[in-house]
C-alpha atoms as a PDB file:
ATOM      1  CA  MET A   1      34.909 -82.117 -66.201  1.00  0.00           C
ATOM      2  CA  LYS A   2      31.292 -81.094 -66.852  1.00  0.00           C
ATOM      3  CA  LYS A   3      28.695 -79.455 -64.607  1.00  0.00           C
ATOM      4  CA  LEU A   4      24.980 -80.194 -64.771  1.00  0.00           C
ATOM      5  CA  ILE A   5      22.599 -77.847 -62.994  1.00  0.00           C
ATOM      6  CA  LEU A   6      18.999 -78.930 -62.498  1.00  0.00           C
ATOM      7  CA  VAL A   7      16.434 -76.185 -61.903  1.00  0.00           C
ATOM      8  CA  ARG A   8      12.810 -76.900 -61.091  1.00  0.00           C
ATOM      9  CA  HIS A   9      10.566 -74.175 -62.533  1.00  0.00           C
ATOM     10  CA  ALA A  10       9.627 -71.397 -60.130  1.00  0.00           C
ATOM     11  CA  LYS A  11       6.249 -71.192 -58.366  1.00  0.00           C
ATOM     12  CA  SER A  12       3.471 -71.123 -60.908  1.00  0.00           C
ATOM     13  CA  ASP A  13      -0.081 -69.913 -60.983  1.00  0.00           C
ATOM     14  CA  TRP A  14      -3.046 -71.831 -62.379  1.00  0.00           C
ATOM     15  CA  PRO A  15      -5.598 -69.325 -63.690  1.00  0.00           C
ATOM     16  CA  GLU A  16      -9.052 -70.635 -64.538  1.00  0.00           C
ATOM     17  CA  ASP A  17      -9.353 -72.185 -68.030  1.00  0.00           C
ATOM     18  CA  THR A  18      -5.567 -72.484 -68.382  1.00  0.00           C
ATOM     19  CA  GLU A  19      -4.030 -75.709 -69.648  1.00  0.00           C
ATOM     20  CA  ASP A  20      -1.141 -77.195 -67.651  1.00  0.00           C
ATOM     21  CA  PHE A  21       1.342 -76.377 -70.431  1.00  0.00           C
ATOM     22  CA  ASP A  22       0.342 -72.688 -70.432  1.00  0.00           C
ATOM     23  CA  ARG A  23       0.526 -72.014 -66.680  1.00  0.00           C
ATOM     24  CA  PRO A  24       2.404 -68.749 -65.970  1.00  0.00           C
ATOM     25  CA  LEU A  25       4.685 -67.963 -63.068  1.00  0.00           C
ATOM     26  CA  ALA A  26       3.107 -66.540 -59.938  1.00  0.00           C
ATOM     27  CA  ASP A  27       4.482 -63.274 -58.536  1.00  0.00           C
ATOM     28  CA  LYS A  28       6.425 -65.305 -55.943  1.00  0.00           C
ATOM     29  CA  GLY A  29       7.860 -67.430 -58.750  1.00  0.00           C
ATOM     30  CA  LEU A  30       9.059 -64.361 -60.644  1.00  0.00           C
ATOM     31  CA  GLU A  31      10.737 -63.055 -57.492  1.00  0.00           C
ATOM     32  CA  ASP A  32      12.302 -66.437 -56.607  1.00  0.00           C
ATOM     33  CA  ALA A  33      13.691 -66.919 -60.134  1.00  0.00           C
ATOM     34  CA  LYS A  34      15.292 -63.453 -60.112  1.00  0.00           C
ATOM     35  CA  ASN A  35      16.748 -64.005 -56.634  1.00  0.00           C
ATOM     36  CA  MET A  36      18.021 -67.526 -57.349  1.00  0.00           C
ATOM     37  CA  SER A  37      19.658 -66.624 -60.663  1.00  0.00           C
ATOM     38  CA  GLN A  38      21.410 -63.664 -59.045  1.00  0.00           C
ATOM     39  CA  PHE A  39      22.441 -65.808 -56.059  1.00  0.00           C
ATOM     40  CA  LEU A  40      24.061 -68.380 -58.374  1.00  0.00           C
ATOM     41  CA  LYS A  41      25.798 -65.674 -60.412  1.00  0.00           C
ATOM     42  CA  ASN A  42      27.057 -63.924 -57.256  1.00  0.00           C
ATOM     43  CA  ASN A  43      28.491 -67.253 -56.086  1.00  0.00           C
ATOM     44  CA  GLN A  44      30.415 -67.716 -59.370  1.00  0.00           C
ATOM     45  CA  ILE A  45      28.366 -70.720 -60.487  1.00  0.00           C
ATOM     46  CA  PRO A  46      28.820 -70.798 -64.258  1.00  0.00           C
ATOM     47  CA  ILE A  47      26.049 -71.602 -66.713  1.00  0.00           C
ATOM     48  CA  ASP A  48      27.083 -71.453 -70.358  1.00  0.00           C
ATOM     49  CA  TYR A  49      24.036 -73.173 -71.879  1.00  0.00           C
ATOM     50  CA  MET A  50      20.390 -73.570 -70.855  1.00  0.00           C
ATOM     51  CA  VAL A  51      17.874 -76.188 -71.933  1.00  0.00           C
ATOM     52  CA  SER A  52      14.245 -75.700 -70.910  1.00  0.00           C
ATOM     53  CA  SER A  53      10.978 -77.497 -71.084  1.00  0.00           C
ATOM     54  CA  PRO A  54       8.804 -75.521 -73.528  1.00  0.00           C
ATOM     55  CA  ALA A  55       6.011 -75.228 -70.920  1.00  0.00           C
ATOM     56  CA  VAL A  56       5.422 -71.574 -70.051  1.00  0.00           C
ATOM     57  CA  ARG A  57       6.366 -71.784 -66.351  1.00  0.00           C
ATOM     58  CA  ALA A  58       9.683 -73.561 -67.048  1.00  0.00           C
ATOM     59  CA  LEU A  59      10.532 -71.403 -70.052  1.00  0.00           C
ATOM     60  CA  ASN A  60       9.788 -68.193 -68.097  1.00  0.00           C
ATOM     61  CA  THR A  61      12.069 -69.403 -65.288  1.00  0.00           C
ATOM     62  CA  CYS A  62      14.799 -70.116 -67.842  1.00  0.00           C
ATOM     63  CA  GLU A  63      14.347 -66.695 -69.460  1.00  0.00           C
ATOM     64  CA  ILE A  64      14.771 -64.967 -66.097  1.00  0.00           C
ATOM     65  CA  PHE A  65      17.998 -66.923 -65.486  1.00  0.00           C
ATOM     66  CA  ASN A  66      19.101 -65.987 -68.988  1.00  0.00           C
ATOM     67  CA  GLN A  67      18.646 -62.277 -68.221  1.00  0.00           C
ATOM     68  CA  THR A  68      21.230 -62.777 -65.478  1.00  0.00           C
ATOM     69  CA  TYR A  69      23.596 -65.084 -67.386  1.00  0.00           C
ATOM     70  CA  GLN A  70      23.208 -64.066 -71.047  1.00  0.00           C
ATOM     71  CA  SER A  71      23.804 -67.681 -72.140  1.00  0.00           C
ATOM     72  CA  ALA A  72      22.563 -69.532 -75.175  1.00  0.00           C
ATOM     73  CA  MET A  73      19.249 -71.273 -74.533  1.00  0.00           C
ATOM     74  CA  ILE A  74      16.971 -73.742 -76.281  1.00  0.00           C
ATOM     75  CA  THR A  75      13.803 -75.670 -75.492  1.00  0.00           C
ATOM     76  CA  ASP A  76      13.514 -79.434 -75.527  1.00  0.00           C
ATOM     77  CA  GLU A  77      10.064 -81.042 -75.335  1.00  0.00           C
ATOM     78  CA  LYS A  78      11.647 -84.063 -73.618  1.00  0.00           C
ATOM     79  CA  LEU A  79      11.888 -81.951 -70.444  1.00  0.00           C
ATOM     80  CA  TYR A  80       8.090 -81.497 -70.173  1.00  0.00           C
ATOM     81  CA  ASN A  81       6.540 -84.215 -67.958  1.00  0.00           C
ATOM     82  CA  PRO A  82       9.896 -85.999 -68.090  1.00  0.00           C
ATOM     83  CA  LEU A  83      11.010 -89.461 -67.123  1.00  0.00           C
ATOM     84  CA  GLU A  84      14.607 -90.162 -66.105  1.00  0.00           C
ATOM     85  CA  ARG A  85      15.520 -91.345 -69.604  1.00  0.00           C
ATOM     86  CA  ASN A  86      14.262 -88.032 -71.053  1.00  0.00           C
ATOM     87  CA  PHE A  87      16.986 -86.172 -69.149  1.00  0.00           C
ATOM     88  CA  GLU A  88      19.614 -88.664 -70.278  1.00  0.00           C
ATOM     89  CA  SER A  89      18.500 -88.289 -73.890  1.00  0.00           C
ATOM     90  CA  ALA A  90      18.751 -84.487 -73.607  1.00  0.00           C
ATOM     91  CA  ILE A  91      22.231 -84.833 -72.058  1.00  0.00           C
ATOM     92  CA  TYR A  92      23.472 -87.036 -74.899  1.00  0.00           C
ATOM     93  CA  ASN A  93      22.344 -84.354 -77.373  1.00  0.00           C
ATOM     94  CA  LEU A  94      24.523 -81.679 -75.734  1.00  0.00           C
ATOM     95  CA  ASP A  95      27.496 -80.239 -77.577  1.00  0.00           C
ATOM     96  CA  ASP A  96      30.775 -80.938 -75.773  1.00  0.00           C
ATOM     97  CA  ASN A  97      31.700 -77.246 -76.081  1.00  0.00           C
ATOM     98  CA  HIS A  98      29.225 -76.603 -73.233  1.00  0.00           C
ATOM     99  CA  ASP A  99      30.869 -77.347 -69.889  1.00  0.00           C
ATOM    100  CA  SER A 100      28.182 -76.072 -67.517  1.00  0.00           C
ATOM    101  CA  VAL A 101      24.597 -76.720 -68.576  1.00  0.00           C
ATOM    102  CA  ALA A 102      21.341 -75.940 -66.758  1.00  0.00           C
ATOM    103  CA  PHE A 103      18.128 -77.906 -67.362  1.00  0.00           C
ATOM    104  CA  PHE A 104      14.793 -76.287 -66.459  1.00  0.00           C
ATOM    105  CA  SER A 105      12.050 -78.822 -65.888  1.00  0.00           C
ATOM    106  CA  HIS A 106       9.240 -80.170 -63.683  1.00  0.00           C
ATOM    107  CA  ASN A 107       8.550 -82.481 -60.770  1.00  0.00           C
ATOM    108  CA  ASN A 108       8.374 -85.359 -60.217  1.00  0.00           C
ATOM    109  CA  GLY A 109      10.776 -86.044 -63.056  1.00  0.00           C
ATOM    110  CA  ILE A 110      13.491 -83.539 -62.146  1.00  0.00           C
ATOM    111  CA  SER A 111      13.640 -84.646 -58.492  1.00  0.00           C
ATOM    112  CA  ASN A 112      13.654 -88.300 -59.509  1.00  0.00           C
ATOM    113  CA  PHE A 113      16.482 -87.683 -61.971  1.00  0.00           C
ATOM    114  CA  ALA A 114      18.488 -85.696 -59.393  1.00  0.00           C
ATOM    115  CA  ASN A 115      18.082 -88.542 -56.916  1.00  0.00           C
ATOM    116  CA  SER A 116      19.184 -91.089 -59.511  1.00  0.00           C
ATOM    117  CA  ILE A 117      22.566 -89.373 -59.901  1.00  0.00           C
ATOM    118  CA  SER A 118      23.130 -88.324 -56.289  1.00  0.00           C
ATOM    119  CA  GLU A 119      23.898 -90.182 -53.102  1.00  0.00           C
ATOM    120  CA  ASP A 120      21.693 -87.659 -51.308  1.00  0.00           C
ATOM    121  CA  ILE A 121      17.942 -88.060 -51.559  1.00  0.00           C
ATOM    122  CA  PHE A 122      15.994 -84.826 -51.784  1.00  0.00           C
ATOM    123  CA  HIS A 123      12.939 -83.170 -53.268  1.00  0.00           C
ATOM    124  CA  LEU A 124      13.498 -80.098 -55.425  1.00  0.00           C
ATOM    125  CA  PRO A 125      11.128 -77.323 -54.326  1.00  0.00           C
ATOM    126  CA  THR A 126       9.888 -74.803 -56.881  1.00  0.00           C
ATOM    127  CA  CYS A 127      12.932 -72.864 -58.137  1.00  0.00           C
ATOM    128  CA  GLY A 128      15.171 -75.294 -56.263  1.00  0.00           C
ATOM    129  CA  VAL A 129      18.595 -75.842 -57.834  1.00  0.00           C
ATOM    130  CA  ALA A 130      20.914 -78.844 -57.639  1.00  0.00           C
ATOM    131  CA  GLY A 131      24.380 -78.751 -59.182  1.00  0.00           C
ATOM    132  CA  PHE A 132      26.446 -81.803 -60.075  1.00  0.00           C
ATOM    133  CA  GLU A 133      30.020 -82.326 -61.180  1.00  0.00           C
ATOM    134  CA  ILE A 134      30.227 -84.985 -63.891  1.00  0.00           C
ATOM    135  CA  ASP A 135      33.680 -86.546 -64.234  1.00  0.00           C
ATOM    136  CA  CYS A 136      33.831 -86.690 -68.038  1.00  0.00           C
ATOM    137  CA  ASN A 137      35.140 -84.716 -70.992  1.00  0.00           C
ATOM    138  CA  SER A 138      32.195 -85.558 -73.245  1.00  0.00           C
ATOM    139  CA  TRP A 139      28.485 -85.593 -72.453  1.00  0.00           C
ATOM    140  CA  ALA A 140      28.396 -88.947 -74.280  1.00  0.00           C
ATOM    141  CA  GLU A 141      30.274 -90.396 -71.275  1.00  0.00           C
ATOM    142  CA  PHE A 142      27.562 -89.284 -68.809  1.00  0.00           C
ATOM    143  CA  ASP A 143      26.145 -92.714 -67.955  1.00  0.00           C
ATOM    144  CA  GLY A 144      29.437 -94.246 -66.818  1.00  0.00           C
ATOM    145  CA  ALA A 145      30.919 -91.086 -65.317  1.00  0.00           C
ATOM    146  CA  HIS A 146      31.288 -90.452 -61.583  1.00  0.00           C
ATOM    147  CA  LYS A 147      28.762 -87.838 -60.445  1.00  0.00           C
ATOM    148  CA  LYS A 148      29.079 -85.663 -57.362  1.00  0.00           C
ATOM    149  CA  LEU A 149      26.500 -83.325 -55.830  1.00  0.00           C
ATOM    150  CA  LEU A 150      28.150 -79.895 -55.522  1.00  0.00           C
ATOM    151  CA  PHE A 151      25.253 -77.874 -54.129  1.00  0.00           C
ATOM    152  CA  PHE A 152      21.547 -77.866 -53.443  1.00  0.00           C
ATOM    153  CA  TYR A 153      19.752 -74.536 -52.976  1.00  0.00           C
ATOM    154  CA  ASP A 154      16.196 -73.949 -51.811  1.00  0.00           C
ATOM    155  CA  PRO A 155      14.937 -70.432 -52.674  1.00  0.00           C
ATOM    156  CA  GLY A 156      13.313 -70.188 -49.236  1.00  0.00           C
ATOM    157  CA  LYS A 157      16.706 -70.641 -47.573  1.00  0.00           C
ATOM    158  CA  ILE A 158      19.056 -68.370 -49.546  1.00  0.00           C
END
């Protein structure tokens, strides 16, 4: 059994003359990321590996979660401005030693991907987290595996 946790980057800022890729987190985003990562940890939600978009706002969100979890983390450019197949490609590259993996990415791609594997339709807000149980022993079995939504957390409601 595997667990996939999808995290939309926290609230970002858009300073003048800043490219989309380089947008930093806003103060509210920093606070939400700290609160959400601690909330997940306090609720015994495991994360043993993190994969982030290399964009600053997603990577900073991932780094804040990593301060709480102390997990291994990498970046994957496929998670920046992603399509559904980008997430699947990143999943198939995962090592089977990782049982609970968190992806840090962007809308609309992350919400669209979450909706494609869930019976519940929802929109991930900034720093929103959706966790899924994937009924497989290998990430290579993801496509055909039964997927179940375990939780959906909105930082404004925790």
